[in-house]
């Protein structure tokens, strides 16, 4: 299996789906807010804050948990609530969540706290379209012959589900 091939699959699909008006307003509010909970890692947010209680159902949703658990287990990135809220508009499935987690992992330095500003740096022209996500998903499939000797952490036919693909750059 070739990690550079997987990275190339993502790089081939330049994300360019613009944010909607609601997302844009939320991103601007998050960037300009004095509330530190918008930009700190989710796991250190003030548990008693109104913001935390408001977004708790989103944080605990299935797709968000797939995304957050993949980030936590396989990267050194830390996600802010502002980023999770924005990305949830674009992650409609567990597969999309894993693809976004992988893309962020490859585009950002170790130990990055991913804030709205950082997200804007990774996605300056927009996000992946559903068509792009499907093309990436289909292109990252692997055959039985390509799997031998690798550690699978998910579905064996997905290159993105092999531990070796997530190792430090």
C-alpha atoms as a PDB file:
ATOM      1  CA  UNK A   1       0.000   0.000   0.000  1.00  0.00           C
ATOM      2  CA  UNK A   2       1.252   3.437  -0.843  1.00  0.00           C
ATOM      3  CA  UNK A   3       0.546   6.348   1.510  1.00  0.00           C
ATOM      4  CA  UNK A   4       1.538   8.855  -1.177  1.00  0.00           C
ATOM      5  CA  UNK A   5      -1.099   7.362  -3.478  1.00  0.00           C
ATOM      6  CA  UNK A   6      -3.778   8.029  -0.868  1.00  0.00           C
ATOM      7  CA  UNK A   7      -2.566  11.589  -0.339  1.00  0.00           C
ATOM      8  CA  UNK A   8      -2.553  12.064  -4.115  1.00  0.00           C
ATOM      9  CA  UNK A   9      -6.176  10.945  -4.329  1.00  0.00           C
ATOM     10  CA  UNK A  10      -7.151  13.750  -1.949  1.00  0.00           C
ATOM     11  CA  UNK A  11      -4.902  16.307  -3.629  1.00  0.00           C
ATOM     12  CA  UNK A  12      -6.477  15.539  -7.007  1.00  0.00           C
ATOM     13  CA  UNK A  13      -9.876  16.656  -5.700  1.00  0.00           C
ATOM     14  CA  UNK A  14      -9.532  20.331  -4.855  1.00  0.00           C
ATOM     15  CA  UNK A  15     -12.283  21.143  -2.367  1.00  0.00           C
ATOM     16  CA  UNK A  16     -14.303  24.036  -3.745  1.00  0.00           C
ATOM     17  CA  UNK A  17     -17.869  23.715  -2.475  1.00  0.00           C
ATOM     18  CA  UNK A  18     -18.605  27.072  -0.876  1.00  0.00           C
ATOM     19  CA  UNK A  19     -20.085  27.387   2.581  1.00  0.00           C
ATOM     20  CA  UNK A  20     -23.704  28.311   2.854  1.00  0.00           C
ATOM     21  CA  UNK A  21     -24.805  31.599   4.390  1.00  0.00           C
ATOM     22  CA  UNK A  22     -25.491  30.020   7.801  1.00  0.00           C
ATOM     23  CA  UNK A  23     -22.067  28.344   7.880  1.00  0.00           C
ATOM     24  CA  UNK A  24     -20.333  31.554   6.863  1.00  0.00           C
ATOM     25  CA  UNK A  25     -22.135  33.533   9.564  1.00  0.00           C
ATOM     26  CA  UNK A  26     -21.273  30.890  12.159  1.00  0.00           C
ATOM     27  CA  UNK A  27     -17.615  30.827  11.092  1.00  0.00           C
ATOM     28  CA  UNK A  28     -17.338  34.607  11.276  1.00  0.00           C
ATOM     29  CA  UNK A  29     -19.031  34.681  14.692  1.00  0.00           C
ATOM     30  CA  UNK A  30     -16.722  31.919  15.947  1.00  0.00           C
ATOM     31  CA  UNK A  31     -13.645  33.755  14.687  1.00  0.00           C
ATOM     32  CA  UNK A  32     -14.713  37.051  16.244  1.00  0.00           C
ATOM     33  CA  UNK A  33     -16.136  35.682  19.483  1.00  0.00           C
ATOM     34  CA  UNK A  34     -14.557  36.463  22.840  1.00  0.00           C
ATOM     35  CA  UNK A  35     -15.795  33.093  24.135  1.00  0.00           C
ATOM     36  CA  UNK A  36     -12.653  30.952  24.409  1.00  0.00           C
ATOM     37  CA  UNK A  37     -14.791  27.812  24.157  1.00  0.00           C
ATOM     38  CA  UNK A  38     -15.157  28.404  20.404  1.00  0.00           C
ATOM     39  CA  UNK A  39     -11.429  27.998  19.802  1.00  0.00           C
ATOM     40  CA  UNK A  40     -10.206  25.627  22.512  1.00  0.00           C
ATOM     41  CA  UNK A  41     -10.134  21.851  22.023  1.00  0.00           C
ATOM     42  CA  UNK A  42     -13.516  20.214  22.602  1.00  0.00           C
ATOM     43  CA  UNK A  43     -12.125  18.027  25.371  1.00  0.00           C
ATOM     44  CA  UNK A  44     -11.127  21.081  27.446  1.00  0.00           C
ATOM     45  CA  UNK A  45     -14.260  23.164  26.926  1.00  0.00           C
ATOM     46  CA  UNK A  46     -15.945  24.403  30.079  1.00  0.00           C
ATOM     47  CA  UNK A  47     -18.468  21.642  30.734  1.00  0.00           C
ATOM     48  CA  UNK A  48     -20.807  24.053  32.505  1.00  0.00           C
ATOM     49  CA  UNK A  49     -20.891  26.607  29.710  1.00  0.00           C
ATOM     50  CA  UNK A  50     -24.015  27.346  27.722  1.00  0.00           C
ATOM     51  CA  UNK A  51     -22.052  26.683  24.527  1.00  0.00           C
ATOM     52  CA  UNK A  52     -21.089  23.180  25.656  1.00  0.00           C
ATOM     53  CA  UNK A  53     -24.627  22.243  26.626  1.00  0.00           C
ATOM     54  CA  UNK A  54     -25.996  23.716  23.395  1.00  0.00           C
ATOM     55  CA  UNK A  55     -23.659  21.627  21.189  1.00  0.00           C
ATOM     56  CA  UNK A  56     -23.640  18.461  23.313  1.00  0.00           C
ATOM     57  CA  UNK A  57     -26.122  16.598  21.055  1.00  0.00           C
ATOM     58  CA  UNK A  58     -24.000  17.460  18.004  1.00  0.00           C
ATOM     59  CA  UNK A  59     -20.778  16.340  19.716  1.00  0.00           C
ATOM     60  CA  UNK A  60     -22.407  13.059  20.743  1.00  0.00           C
ATOM     61  CA  UNK A  61     -23.931  12.327  17.320  1.00  0.00           C
ATOM     62  CA  UNK A  62     -22.706   9.231  15.484  1.00  0.00           C
ATOM     63  CA  UNK A  63     -20.894  10.964  12.613  1.00  0.00           C
ATOM     64  CA  UNK A  64     -19.261  13.504  14.939  1.00  0.00           C
ATOM     65  CA  UNK A  65     -18.060  10.693  17.182  1.00  0.00           C
ATOM     66  CA  UNK A  66     -16.584   8.791  14.221  1.00  0.00           C
ATOM     67  CA  UNK A  67     -14.718  11.961  13.239  1.00  0.00           C
ATOM     68  CA  UNK A  68     -13.567  12.847  16.769  1.00  0.00           C
ATOM     69  CA  UNK A  69     -12.545   9.292  17.680  1.00  0.00           C
ATOM     70  CA  UNK A  70     -10.492   8.926  14.490  1.00  0.00           C
ATOM     71  CA  UNK A  71      -8.782  12.254  15.178  1.00  0.00           C
ATOM     72  CA  UNK A  72      -8.141  11.313  18.819  1.00  0.00           C
ATOM     73  CA  UNK A  73      -6.840   7.816  18.126  1.00  0.00           C
ATOM     74  CA  UNK A  74      -4.705   8.422  15.062  1.00  0.00           C
ATOM     75  CA  UNK A  75      -3.560  12.047  15.065  1.00  0.00           C
ATOM     76  CA  UNK A  76      -2.234  14.688  17.414  1.00  0.00           C
ATOM     77  CA  UNK A  77      -4.771  17.260  16.207  1.00  0.00           C
ATOM     78  CA  UNK A  78      -7.291  18.810  18.585  1.00  0.00           C
ATOM     79  CA  UNK A  79     -10.671  19.961  17.275  1.00  0.00           C
ATOM     80  CA  UNK A  80     -12.532  23.044  18.388  1.00  0.00           C
ATOM     81  CA  UNK A  81     -16.312  23.120  18.526  1.00  0.00           C
ATOM     82  CA  UNK A  82     -16.392  25.767  15.801  1.00  0.00           C
ATOM     83  CA  UNK A  83     -14.653  23.393  13.384  1.00  0.00           C
ATOM     84  CA  UNK A  84     -16.893  20.479  14.285  1.00  0.00           C
ATOM     85  CA  UNK A  85     -20.028  22.552  13.712  1.00  0.00           C
ATOM     86  CA  UNK A  86     -18.813  23.716  10.298  1.00  0.00           C
ATOM     87  CA  UNK A  87     -17.615  20.287   9.193  1.00  0.00           C
ATOM     88  CA  UNK A  88     -20.849  18.607  10.257  1.00  0.00           C
ATOM     89  CA  UNK A  89     -22.503  20.432   7.352  1.00  0.00           C
ATOM     90  CA  UNK A  90     -20.245  18.415   5.040  1.00  0.00           C
ATOM     91  CA  UNK A  91     -19.952  15.063   6.833  1.00  0.00           C
ATOM     92  CA  UNK A  92     -23.145  13.186   6.154  1.00  0.00           C
ATOM     93  CA  UNK A  93     -21.678   9.715   6.689  1.00  0.00           C
ATOM     94  CA  UNK A  94     -19.030   7.906   8.693  1.00  0.00           C
ATOM     95  CA  UNK A  95     -16.965   7.590   5.506  1.00  0.00           C
ATOM     96  CA  UNK A  96     -17.061  11.350   4.944  1.00  0.00           C
ATOM     97  CA  UNK A  97     -16.030  11.899   8.573  1.00  0.00           C
ATOM     98  CA  UNK A  98     -12.999   9.634   8.146  1.00  0.00           C
ATOM     99  CA  UNK A  99     -12.046  11.347   4.880  1.00  0.00           C
ATOM    100  CA  UNK A 100     -12.211  14.813   6.461  1.00  0.00           C
ATOM    101  CA  UNK A 101     -10.198  13.585   9.461  1.00  0.00           C
ATOM    102  CA  UNK A 102      -7.544  12.161   7.142  1.00  0.00           C
ATOM    103  CA  UNK A 103      -7.381  15.297   5.008  1.00  0.00           C
ATOM    104  CA  UNK A 104      -6.903  17.520   8.071  1.00  0.00           C
ATOM    105  CA  UNK A 105      -4.268  15.124   9.419  1.00  0.00           C
ATOM    106  CA  UNK A 106      -2.272  15.444   6.199  1.00  0.00           C
ATOM    107  CA  UNK A 107      -2.626  19.208   5.827  1.00  0.00           C
ATOM    108  CA  UNK A 108      -1.873  20.410   9.351  1.00  0.00           C
ATOM    109  CA  UNK A 109       1.243  20.156  11.517  1.00  0.00           C
ATOM    110  CA  UNK A 110       1.322  17.926  14.587  1.00  0.00           C
ATOM    111  CA  UNK A 111      -0.287  19.236  17.779  1.00  0.00           C
ATOM    112  CA  UNK A 112      -2.444  21.777  15.926  1.00  0.00           C
ATOM    113  CA  UNK A 113      -5.581  23.011  17.647  1.00  0.00           C
ATOM    114  CA  UNK A 114      -7.911  23.246  14.672  1.00  0.00           C
ATOM    115  CA  UNK A 115      -9.813  26.499  14.959  1.00  0.00           C
ATOM    116  CA  UNK A 116     -12.070  28.239  12.446  1.00  0.00           C
ATOM    117  CA  UNK A 117      -9.042  30.198  11.231  1.00  0.00           C
ATOM    118  CA  UNK A 118      -7.020  27.015  10.662  1.00  0.00           C
ATOM    119  CA  UNK A 119      -9.956  25.416   8.891  1.00  0.00           C
ATOM    120  CA  UNK A 120     -10.042  28.387   6.541  1.00  0.00           C
ATOM    121  CA  UNK A 121      -6.371  27.791   5.737  1.00  0.00           C
ATOM    122  CA  UNK A 122      -6.988  24.131   4.861  1.00  0.00           C
ATOM    123  CA  UNK A 123     -10.182  24.853   2.910  1.00  0.00           C
ATOM    124  CA  UNK A 124      -9.661  28.338   1.431  1.00  0.00           C
ATOM    125  CA  UNK A 125     -11.983  27.750  -1.548  1.00  0.00           C
ATOM    126  CA  UNK A 126     -14.586  25.540   0.100  1.00  0.00           C
ATOM    127  CA  UNK A 127     -15.157  21.935   1.051  1.00  0.00           C
ATOM    128  CA  UNK A 128     -15.400  18.621  -0.771  1.00  0.00           C
ATOM    129  CA  UNK A 129     -18.584  18.120  -2.761  1.00  0.00           C
ATOM    130  CA  UNK A 130     -20.560  14.891  -2.414  1.00  0.00           C
ATOM    131  CA  UNK A 131     -19.276  13.916  -5.881  1.00  0.00           C
ATOM    132  CA  UNK A 132     -15.667  14.522  -4.827  1.00  0.00           C
ATOM    133  CA  UNK A 133     -16.147  12.525  -1.627  1.00  0.00           C
ATOM    134  CA  UNK A 134     -17.594   9.625  -3.623  1.00  0.00           C
ATOM    135  CA  UNK A 135     -14.703   9.753  -6.105  1.00  0.00           C
ATOM    136  CA  UNK A 136     -12.156   9.811  -3.263  1.00  0.00           C
ATOM    137  CA  UNK A 137     -13.939   6.944  -1.530  1.00  0.00           C
ATOM    138  CA  UNK A 138     -14.005   4.832  -4.686  1.00  0.00           C
ATOM    139  CA  UNK A 139     -10.375   5.622  -5.578  1.00  0.00           C
ATOM    140  CA  UNK A 140      -9.020   4.593  -2.168  1.00  0.00           C
ATOM    141  CA  UNK A 141     -10.349   1.033  -2.367  1.00  0.00           C
ATOM    142  CA  UNK A 142      -7.726  -1.726  -2.211  1.00  0.00           C
ATOM    143  CA  UNK A 143      -7.658  -5.298  -3.428  1.00  0.00           C
ATOM    144  CA  UNK A 144      -7.051  -8.378  -1.314  1.00  0.00           C
ATOM    145  CA  UNK A 145      -3.505  -8.661  -2.694  1.00  0.00           C
ATOM    146  CA  UNK A 146      -2.643  -5.111  -1.536  1.00  0.00           C
ATOM    147  CA  UNK A 147      -3.741  -5.720   2.072  1.00  0.00           C
ATOM    148  CA  UNK A 148      -1.270  -8.369   3.131  1.00  0.00           C
ATOM    149  CA  UNK A 149       1.068  -7.339   5.931  1.00  0.00           C
ATOM    150  CA  UNK A 150      -0.845  -4.182   6.907  1.00  0.00           C
ATOM    151  CA  UNK A 151      -2.861  -3.408  10.049  1.00  0.00           C
ATOM    152  CA  UNK A 152      -6.536  -2.750   9.358  1.00  0.00           C
ATOM    153  CA  UNK A 153      -8.487  -0.585  11.808  1.00  0.00           C
ATOM    154  CA  UNK A 154     -11.772  -0.611   9.896  1.00  0.00           C
ATOM    155  CA  UNK A 155     -13.077  -2.052   6.637  1.00  0.00           C
ATOM    156  CA  UNK A 156     -10.374  -4.100   4.890  1.00  0.00           C
ATOM    157  CA  UNK A 157     -11.208  -2.803   1.404  1.00  0.00           C
ATOM    158  CA  UNK A 158     -10.509   0.848   2.370  1.00  0.00           C
ATOM    159  CA  UNK A 159      -6.918   2.096   2.154  1.00  0.00           C
ATOM    160  CA  UNK A 160      -7.876   4.868   4.584  1.00  0.00           C
ATOM    161  CA  UNK A 161      -8.648   2.208   7.210  1.00  0.00           C
ATOM    162  CA  UNK A 162      -5.073   0.966   7.510  1.00  0.00           C
ATOM    163  CA  UNK A 163      -2.957   2.179  10.393  1.00  0.00           C
ATOM    164  CA  UNK A 164       0.049   2.699   8.138  1.00  0.00           C
ATOM    165  CA  UNK A 165      -1.797   5.408   6.191  1.00  0.00           C
ATOM    166  CA  UNK A 166      -2.087   7.509   9.379  1.00  0.00           C
ATOM    167  CA  UNK A 167       1.513   7.312  10.536  1.00  0.00           C
ATOM    168  CA  UNK A 168       3.327  10.599  10.930  1.00  0.00           C
ATOM    169  CA  UNK A 169       4.317  12.332   7.776  1.00  0.00           C
END
